[in-house]
Amino acid sequence: MTECRPIVILDEPQVLDNTNLSRTAISNNLNPLFELRYSATHREKINTIYRLTPVDAYEKK
């Protein structure tokens, strides 16, 4: 049997995975291949790939 490993995309993860129960549900029950987290106000920084600050955005026009 083929295993399904979804890619989980969380928009504003600080709202969605703010308890141990919800984090466990996402990581254990879904068993994702990987997770992408998009937020302007991350509470917990995990492997930041790209960051665009307001100053950087202004300078890049």
C-alpha atoms as a PDB file:
ATOM      1  CA  MET A   1       0.000   0.000   0.000  1.00  0.00           C
ATOM      2  CA  THR A   2       1.281   3.481  -0.893  1.00  0.00           C
ATOM      3  CA  GLU A   3       1.640   5.957   1.920  1.00  0.00           C
ATOM      4  CA  CYS A   4       0.268   9.473   1.480  1.00  0.00           C
ATOM      5  CA  ARG A   5       2.569  12.205   2.839  1.00  0.00           C
ATOM      6  CA  PRO A   6       0.939  15.592   2.296  1.00  0.00           C
ATOM      7  CA  ILE A   7       2.671  18.931   2.049  1.00  0.00           C
ATOM      8  CA  VAL A   8       1.178  21.116   4.784  1.00  0.00           C
ATOM      9  CA  ILE A   9       0.932  24.854   4.131  1.00  0.00           C
ATOM     10  CA  LEU A  10       0.065  26.943   7.177  1.00  0.00           C
ATOM     11  CA  ASP A  11      -0.940  30.568   6.750  1.00  0.00           C
ATOM     12  CA  GLU A  12      -0.500  32.410  10.064  1.00  0.00           C
ATOM     13  CA  PRO A  13       0.724  29.311  11.948  1.00  0.00           C
ATOM     14  CA  GLN A  14       0.739  31.127  15.284  1.00  0.00           C
ATOM     15  CA  VAL A  15      -3.064  30.937  15.143  1.00  0.00           C
ATOM     16  CA  LEU A  16      -3.280  27.318  13.972  1.00  0.00           C
ATOM     17  CA  ASP A  17      -0.602  25.454  15.916  1.00  0.00           C
ATOM     18  CA  ASN A  18      -0.520  27.328  19.191  1.00  0.00           C
ATOM     19  CA  THR A  19      -1.065  24.294  21.453  1.00  0.00           C
ATOM     20  CA  ASN A  20       0.815  21.039  21.943  1.00  0.00           C
ATOM     21  CA  LEU A  21      -2.305  19.131  20.882  1.00  0.00           C
ATOM     22  CA  SER A  22      -2.562  20.937  17.540  1.00  0.00           C
ATOM     23  CA  ARG A  23       1.190  20.584  16.848  1.00  0.00           C
ATOM     24  CA  THR A  24       0.974  16.860  17.593  1.00  0.00           C
ATOM     25  CA  ALA A  25      -2.093  16.485  15.375  1.00  0.00           C
ATOM     26  CA  ILE A  26      -0.321  18.161  12.452  1.00  0.00           C
ATOM     27  CA  SER A  27       2.985  16.317  12.768  1.00  0.00           C
ATOM     28  CA  ASN A  28       1.815  12.862  13.904  1.00  0.00           C
ATOM     29  CA  ASN A  29      -1.638  12.455  12.398  1.00  0.00           C
ATOM     30  CA  LEU A  30      -0.899  14.039   9.031  1.00  0.00           C
ATOM     31  CA  ASN A  31       2.725  12.835   8.876  1.00  0.00           C
ATOM     32  CA  PRO A  32       3.595  15.569   6.361  1.00  0.00           C
ATOM     33  CA  LEU A  33       6.451  15.347   3.906  1.00  0.00           C
ATOM     34  CA  PHE A  34       7.230  18.922   4.958  1.00  0.00           C
ATOM     35  CA  GLU A  35       5.498  22.045   6.280  1.00  0.00           C
ATOM     36  CA  LEU A  36       5.540  25.575   4.900  1.00  0.00           C
ATOM     37  CA  ARG A  37       4.639  28.354   7.339  1.00  0.00           C
ATOM     38  CA  TYR A  38       3.749  31.837   6.108  1.00  0.00           C
ATOM     39  CA  SER A  39       3.410  34.709   8.561  1.00  0.00           C
ATOM     40  CA  ALA A  40       4.342  38.313   9.089  1.00  0.00           C
ATOM     41  CA  THR A  41       4.551  37.752  12.842  1.00  0.00           C
ATOM     42  CA  HIS A  42       6.086  34.359  13.603  1.00  0.00           C
ATOM     43  CA  ARG A  43       6.259  33.634  17.319  1.00  0.00           C
ATOM     44  CA  GLU A  44       8.676  30.768  16.805  1.00  0.00           C
ATOM     45  CA  LYS A  45      11.277  30.875  14.047  1.00  0.00           C
ATOM     46  CA  ILE A  46      11.931  27.485  12.412  1.00  0.00           C
ATOM     47  CA  ASN A  47      14.364  27.216   9.460  1.00  0.00           C
ATOM     48  CA  THR A  48      13.681  30.602   7.885  1.00  0.00           C
ATOM     49  CA  ILE A  49      14.042  30.365   4.105  1.00  0.00           C
ATOM     50  CA  TYR A  50      13.148  33.901   3.056  1.00  0.00           C
ATOM     51  CA  ARG A  51      12.480  37.122   4.925  1.00  0.00           C
ATOM     52  CA  LEU A  52      11.302  40.424   3.469  1.00  0.00           C
ATOM     53  CA  THR A  53      11.121  43.298   5.934  1.00  0.00           C
ATOM     54  CA  PRO A  54       9.190  46.519   5.232  1.00  0.00           C
ATOM     55  CA  VAL A  55      12.509  48.368   4.798  1.00  0.00           C
ATOM     56  CA  ASP A  56      13.766  45.737   2.328  1.00  0.00           C
ATOM     57  CA  ALA A  57      10.489  45.941   0.390  1.00  0.00           C
ATOM     58  CA  TYR A  58      10.743  49.734   0.201  1.00  0.00           C
ATOM     59  CA  GLU A  59      14.345  49.610  -0.989  1.00  0.00           C
ATOM     60  CA  LYS A  60      13.448  47.052  -3.677  1.00  0.00           C
ATOM     61  CA  LYS A  61      10.498  49.233  -4.694  1.00  0.00           C
END
